[in-house]
Amino acid sequence: SCLYYIDLLLMLMDDPRNDINRDIVIHKNNRQLPDNDYTKSECLSNARYALSIARKFGGVFYISEHDLVNVTSPEITMSFVMCIMVLILTKQGKDKENGKKTKSKSSS
């Protein structure tokens, strides 16, 4: 269902409740038949959305939504997870750097 990737990408957002378009993400609560498994088109839709969020935050990767849904190779899937983790660590580093600059300006 690719919700795992979307959950990881939420860590990049300043205000996840407002930054993510909940109407696009397909999960058990907004499906017509919540008891059935996810269809292939629903999984592909979530994968496309996860890839677009990662690209929005500067992720560079050569992965298609089919690679995330079909998991033909665990290396491909893990490379996307690692790309997300690099984006998160980069954001945290920038946030810490901005925090230090703000503290030094306020103490001057």
N, C-alpha and C. Protein backbone atom coordinates (compact mmCIF):
# COMPACT_ATOMS: atom_id res chain seq x y z
N SER A 1 0.82 -1.21 0.00
CA SER A 1 0.00 0.00 0.00
C SER A 1 0.86 1.26 0.00
N CYS A 2 2.16 1.13 0.24
CA CYS A 2 3.15 2.23 0.21
C CYS A 2 2.88 3.29 1.28
N LEU A 3 2.07 3.00 2.27
CA LEU A 3 1.81 3.96 3.34
C LEU A 3 3.05 4.15 4.22
N TYR A 4 3.90 3.14 4.28
CA TYR A 4 5.13 3.23 5.07
C TYR A 4 6.00 4.38 4.57
N TYR A 5 6.13 4.50 3.27
CA TYR A 5 6.96 5.57 2.70
C TYR A 5 6.34 6.93 2.99
N ILE A 6 5.05 7.02 2.89
CA ILE A 6 4.36 8.29 3.16
C ILE A 6 4.54 8.67 4.63
N ASP A 7 4.46 7.67 5.52
CA ASP A 7 4.68 7.95 6.95
C ASP A 7 6.09 8.46 7.20
N LEU A 8 7.08 7.87 6.54
CA LEU A 8 8.45 8.36 6.68
C LEU A 8 8.58 9.79 6.17
N LEU A 9 7.94 10.07 5.06
CA LEU A 9 8.02 11.40 4.45
C LEU A 9 7.33 12.46 5.30
N LEU A 10 6.41 12.07 6.16
CA LEU A 10 5.76 13.03 7.05
C LEU A 10 6.77 13.69 7.98
N MET A 11 7.88 13.01 8.23
CA MET A 11 8.91 13.57 9.11
C MET A 11 9.60 14.78 8.49
N LEU A 12 9.46 14.95 7.18
CA LEU A 12 10.08 16.09 6.50
C LEU A 12 9.23 17.35 6.59
N MET A 13 7.98 17.18 6.92
CA MET A 13 7.04 18.30 6.86
C MET A 13 7.01 19.06 8.18
N ASP A 14 6.90 20.37 8.07
CA ASP A 14 6.81 21.21 9.27
C ASP A 14 5.46 21.03 9.94
N ASP A 15 4.40 20.94 9.15
CA ASP A 15 3.05 20.77 9.69
C ASP A 15 2.35 19.66 8.90
N PRO A 16 2.61 18.39 9.24
CA PRO A 16 2.10 17.28 8.44
C PRO A 16 0.58 17.26 8.30
N ARG A 17 -0.14 17.73 9.30
CA ARG A 17 -1.60 17.69 9.21
C ARG A 17 -2.13 18.56 8.08
N ASN A 18 -1.42 19.66 7.81
CA ASN A 18 -1.88 20.56 6.76
C ASN A 18 -1.09 20.42 5.46
N ASP A 19 0.14 19.89 5.54
CA ASP A 19 0.98 19.80 4.36
C ASP A 19 0.62 18.64 3.44
N ILE A 20 0.06 17.58 3.99
CA ILE A 20 -0.26 16.41 3.17
C ILE A 20 -1.72 16.49 2.71
N ASN A 21 -1.94 16.09 1.48
CA ASN A 21 -3.30 16.07 0.95
C ASN A 21 -3.92 14.72 1.30
N ARG A 22 -4.73 14.71 2.31
CA ARG A 22 -5.32 13.45 2.82
C ARG A 22 -6.28 12.81 1.82
N ASP A 23 -6.81 13.60 0.88
CA ASP A 23 -7.73 13.04 -0.10
C ASP A 23 -7.01 12.17 -1.13
N ILE A 24 -5.72 12.41 -1.32
CA ILE A 24 -4.96 11.65 -2.31
C ILE A 24 -4.50 10.31 -1.73
N VAL A 25 -4.12 10.30 -0.46
CA VAL A 25 -3.60 9.08 0.16
C VAL A 25 -4.75 8.10 0.38
N ILE A 26 -4.55 6.89 -0.11
CA ILE A 26 -5.59 5.86 0.02
C ILE A 26 -5.21 4.96 1.20
N HIS A 27 -6.06 4.94 2.21
CA HIS A 27 -5.85 4.07 3.37
C HIS A 27 -7.17 3.42 3.74
N LYS A 28 -7.15 2.58 4.72
CA LYS A 28 -8.34 1.78 5.07
C LYS A 28 -9.57 2.63 5.39
N ASN A 29 -9.38 3.83 5.93
CA ASN A 29 -10.52 4.63 6.36
C ASN A 29 -11.25 5.33 5.22
N ASN A 30 -10.61 5.54 4.08
CA ASN A 30 -11.29 6.26 3.00
C ASN A 30 -11.54 5.39 1.78
N ARG A 31 -11.69 4.10 1.99
CA ARG A 31 -11.96 3.17 0.89
C ARG A 31 -13.41 2.73 0.94
N GLN A 32 -13.94 2.34 -0.22
CA GLN A 32 -15.31 1.86 -0.27
C GLN A 32 -15.45 0.52 0.43
N LEU A 33 -14.48 -0.34 0.26
CA LEU A 33 -14.50 -1.66 0.89
C LEU A 33 -13.27 -1.79 1.80
N PRO A 34 -13.35 -1.26 3.02
CA PRO A 34 -12.17 -1.24 3.89
C PRO A 34 -11.66 -2.61 4.32
N ASP A 35 -12.48 -3.65 4.22
CA ASP A 35 -12.04 -4.97 4.65
C ASP A 35 -11.22 -5.71 3.61
N ASN A 36 -11.33 -5.30 2.35
CA ASN A 36 -10.59 -5.97 1.29
C ASN A 36 -9.15 -5.47 1.24
N ASP A 37 -8.29 -6.25 0.59
CA ASP A 37 -6.90 -5.83 0.40
C ASP A 37 -6.85 -4.65 -0.57
N TYR A 38 -5.74 -3.95 -0.54
CA TYR A 38 -5.55 -2.83 -1.46
C TYR A 38 -5.45 -3.34 -2.89
N THR A 39 -6.04 -2.62 -3.83
CA THR A 39 -5.91 -2.99 -5.23
C THR A 39 -4.57 -2.47 -5.75
N LYS A 40 -4.17 -2.99 -6.89
CA LYS A 40 -2.91 -2.58 -7.49
C LYS A 40 -2.92 -1.09 -7.83
N SER A 41 -4.05 -0.59 -8.32
CA SER A 41 -4.13 0.84 -8.68
C SER A 41 -4.05 1.73 -7.44
N GLU A 42 -4.61 1.29 -6.32
CA GLU A 42 -4.50 2.06 -5.08
C GLU A 42 -3.05 2.11 -4.59
N CYS A 43 -2.37 0.99 -4.69
CA CYS A 43 -0.97 0.94 -4.27
C CYS A 43 -0.12 1.82 -5.17
N LEU A 44 -0.37 1.77 -6.47
CA LEU A 44 0.39 2.60 -7.41
C LEU A 44 0.13 4.08 -7.17
N SER A 45 -1.10 4.42 -6.83
CA SER A 45 -1.43 5.82 -6.55
C SER A 45 -0.68 6.31 -5.31
N ASN A 46 -0.64 5.52 -4.26
CA ASN A 46 0.11 5.89 -3.06
C ASN A 46 1.61 5.98 -3.35
N ALA A 47 2.11 5.06 -4.17
CA ALA A 47 3.53 5.08 -4.52
C ALA A 47 3.87 6.34 -5.31
N ARG A 48 3.02 6.72 -6.26
CA ARG A 48 3.24 7.95 -7.03
C ARG A 48 3.28 9.16 -6.10
N TYR A 49 2.37 9.19 -5.14
CA TYR A 49 2.31 10.32 -4.22
C TYR A 49 3.57 10.36 -3.34
N ALA A 50 4.02 9.20 -2.87
CA ALA A 50 5.24 9.15 -2.05
C ALA A 50 6.44 9.64 -2.85
N LEU A 51 6.55 9.21 -4.09
CA LEU A 51 7.67 9.65 -4.94
C LEU A 51 7.61 11.15 -5.19
N SER A 52 6.41 11.68 -5.39
CA SER A 52 6.31 13.12 -5.66
C SER A 52 6.64 13.95 -4.42
N ILE A 53 6.28 13.46 -3.23
CA ILE A 53 6.64 14.18 -2.00
C ILE A 53 8.16 14.18 -1.84
N ALA A 54 8.78 13.02 -2.06
CA ALA A 54 10.24 12.94 -1.92
C ALA A 54 10.94 13.86 -2.91
N ARG A 55 10.44 13.93 -4.14
CA ARG A 55 11.03 14.84 -5.13
C ARG A 55 10.84 16.29 -4.73
N LYS A 56 9.70 16.59 -4.13
CA LYS A 56 9.41 17.96 -3.69
C LYS A 56 10.45 18.43 -2.66
N PHE A 57 10.92 17.52 -1.83
CA PHE A 57 11.90 17.86 -0.80
C PHE A 57 13.34 17.67 -1.27
N GLY A 58 13.53 17.42 -2.56
CA GLY A 58 14.88 17.38 -3.12
C GLY A 58 15.47 16.00 -3.30
N GLY A 59 14.66 14.98 -3.19
CA GLY A 59 15.17 13.62 -3.38
C GLY A 59 15.51 13.35 -4.84
N VAL A 60 16.67 12.73 -5.04
CA VAL A 60 17.10 12.36 -6.39
C VAL A 60 17.22 10.85 -6.43
N PHE A 61 16.40 10.22 -7.26
CA PHE A 61 16.39 8.76 -7.35
C PHE A 61 15.82 8.37 -8.70
N TYR A 62 16.08 7.16 -9.09
CA TYR A 62 15.61 6.63 -10.37
C TYR A 62 14.77 5.39 -10.09
N ILE A 63 13.61 5.61 -9.50
CA ILE A 63 12.73 4.53 -9.09
C ILE A 63 11.34 4.84 -9.64
N SER A 64 10.67 3.84 -10.13
CA SER A 64 9.29 4.04 -10.58
C SER A 64 8.34 3.54 -9.50
N GLU A 65 7.09 3.94 -9.62
CA GLU A 65 6.10 3.48 -8.64
C GLU A 65 5.93 1.97 -8.69
N HIS A 66 6.17 1.37 -9.85
CA HIS A 66 6.06 -0.09 -9.98
C HIS A 66 7.14 -0.79 -9.16
N ASP A 67 8.31 -0.17 -9.06
CA ASP A 67 9.38 -0.76 -8.25
C ASP A 67 9.00 -0.83 -6.78
N LEU A 68 8.29 0.19 -6.29
CA LEU A 68 7.89 0.21 -4.88
C LEU A 68 6.76 -0.76 -4.60
N VAL A 69 5.86 -0.92 -5.56
CA VAL A 69 4.70 -1.79 -5.34
C VAL A 69 5.06 -3.26 -5.53
N ASN A 70 5.78 -3.57 -6.58
CA ASN A 70 6.09 -4.97 -6.89
C ASN A 70 7.24 -5.53 -6.08
N VAL A 71 8.13 -4.70 -5.59
CA VAL A 71 9.31 -5.08 -4.82
C VAL A 71 10.02 -6.25 -5.50
N THR A 72 10.44 -6.00 -6.74
CA THR A 72 11.18 -7.03 -7.47
C THR A 72 12.58 -7.19 -6.90
N SER A 73 13.10 -6.12 -6.32
CA SER A 73 14.44 -6.16 -5.75
C SER A 73 14.45 -5.38 -4.44
N PRO A 74 14.85 -5.99 -3.35
CA PRO A 74 14.87 -5.27 -2.08
C PRO A 74 15.85 -4.09 -2.10
N GLU A 75 16.88 -4.18 -2.95
CA GLU A 75 17.85 -3.08 -3.03
C GLU A 75 17.20 -1.80 -3.52
N ILE A 76 16.27 -1.93 -4.47
CA ILE A 76 15.58 -0.75 -5.00
C ILE A 76 14.74 -0.11 -3.90
N THR A 77 14.01 -0.94 -3.19
CA THR A 77 13.16 -0.42 -2.12
C THR A 77 13.99 0.23 -1.03
N MET A 78 15.05 -0.41 -0.63
CA MET A 78 15.90 0.15 0.42
C MET A 78 16.61 1.42 -0.03
N SER A 79 16.91 1.52 -1.32
CA SER A 79 17.54 2.76 -1.80
C SER A 79 16.58 3.94 -1.65
N PHE A 80 15.28 3.70 -1.83
CA PHE A 80 14.30 4.78 -1.64
C PHE A 80 14.20 5.13 -0.15
N VAL A 81 14.21 4.13 0.71
CA VAL A 81 14.16 4.38 2.15
C VAL A 81 15.40 5.17 2.56
N MET A 82 16.55 4.82 2.04
CA MET A 82 17.79 5.54 2.36
C MET A 82 17.74 6.97 1.85
N CYS A 83 17.15 7.17 0.68
CA CYS A 83 16.99 8.52 0.14
C CYS A 83 16.13 9.36 1.09
N ILE A 84 15.05 8.77 1.59
CA ILE A 84 14.18 9.48 2.53
C ILE A 84 14.95 9.79 3.82
N MET A 85 15.73 8.83 4.30
CA MET A 85 16.48 9.06 5.54
C MET A 85 17.52 10.17 5.36
N VAL A 86 18.17 10.23 4.20
CA VAL A 86 19.13 11.30 3.93
C VAL A 86 18.41 12.65 3.94
N LEU A 87 17.23 12.70 3.34
CA LEU A 87 16.45 13.95 3.34
C LEU A 87 16.09 14.36 4.76
N ILE A 88 15.69 13.40 5.59
CA ILE A 88 15.32 13.70 6.98
C ILE A 88 16.54 14.20 7.76
N LEU A 89 17.67 13.52 7.63
CA LEU A 89 18.88 13.93 8.35
C LEU A 89 19.37 15.30 7.88
N THR A 90 19.25 15.57 6.59
CA THR A 90 19.64 16.88 6.06
C THR A 90 18.75 17.97 6.64
N LYS A 91 17.45 17.69 6.70
CA LYS A 91 16.51 18.67 7.26
C LYS A 91 16.81 18.91 8.74
N GLN A 92 17.08 17.84 9.49
CA GLN A 92 17.39 17.99 10.91
C GLN A 92 18.66 18.80 11.11
N GLY A 93 19.66 18.58 10.26
CA GLY A 93 20.89 19.34 10.34
C GLY A 93 20.66 20.81 10.07
N LYS A 94 19.83 21.12 9.09
CA LYS A 94 19.50 22.51 8.78
C LYS A 94 18.72 23.15 9.92
N ASP A 95 17.80 22.38 10.51
CA ASP A 95 17.01 22.90 11.63
C ASP A 95 17.92 23.23 12.82
N LYS A 96 18.89 22.35 13.12
CA LYS A 96 19.82 22.60 14.22
C LYS A 96 20.68 23.82 13.92
N GLU A 97 21.12 23.93 12.68
CA GLU A 97 21.95 25.06 12.28
C GLU A 97 21.17 26.37 12.41
N ASN A 98 19.93 26.36 11.98
CA ASN A 98 19.09 27.55 12.11
C ASN A 98 18.82 27.87 13.57
N GLY A 99 18.68 26.85 14.40
CA GLY A 99 18.47 27.07 15.84
C GLY A 99 19.67 27.72 16.49
N LYS A 100 20.87 27.31 16.11
CA LYS A 100 22.09 27.90 16.66
C LYS A 100 22.22 29.36 16.23
N LYS A 101 21.87 29.64 14.97
CA LYS A 101 21.96 31.01 14.49
C LYS A 101 20.96 31.91 15.21
N THR A 102 19.76 31.39 15.46
CA THR A 102 18.74 32.16 16.16
C THR A 102 19.17 32.44 17.59
N LYS A 103 19.76 31.44 18.27
CA LYS A 103 20.20 31.62 19.66
C LYS A 103 21.35 32.63 19.73
N SER A 104 22.28 32.57 18.78
CA SER A 104 23.41 33.50 18.83
C SER A 104 22.96 34.92 18.51
N LYS A 105 21.97 35.10 17.67
CA LYS A 105 21.44 36.44 17.37
C LYS A 105 20.70 37.01 18.57
N SER A 106 19.94 36.15 19.28
CA SER A 106 19.17 36.65 20.43
C SER A 106 20.07 36.96 21.63
N SER A 107 21.23 36.28 21.74
CA SER A 107 22.12 36.56 22.86
C SER A 107 22.99 37.77 22.62
N SER A 108 23.09 38.23 21.36
CA SER A 108 23.95 39.40 21.05
C SER A 108 23.31 40.69 21.46
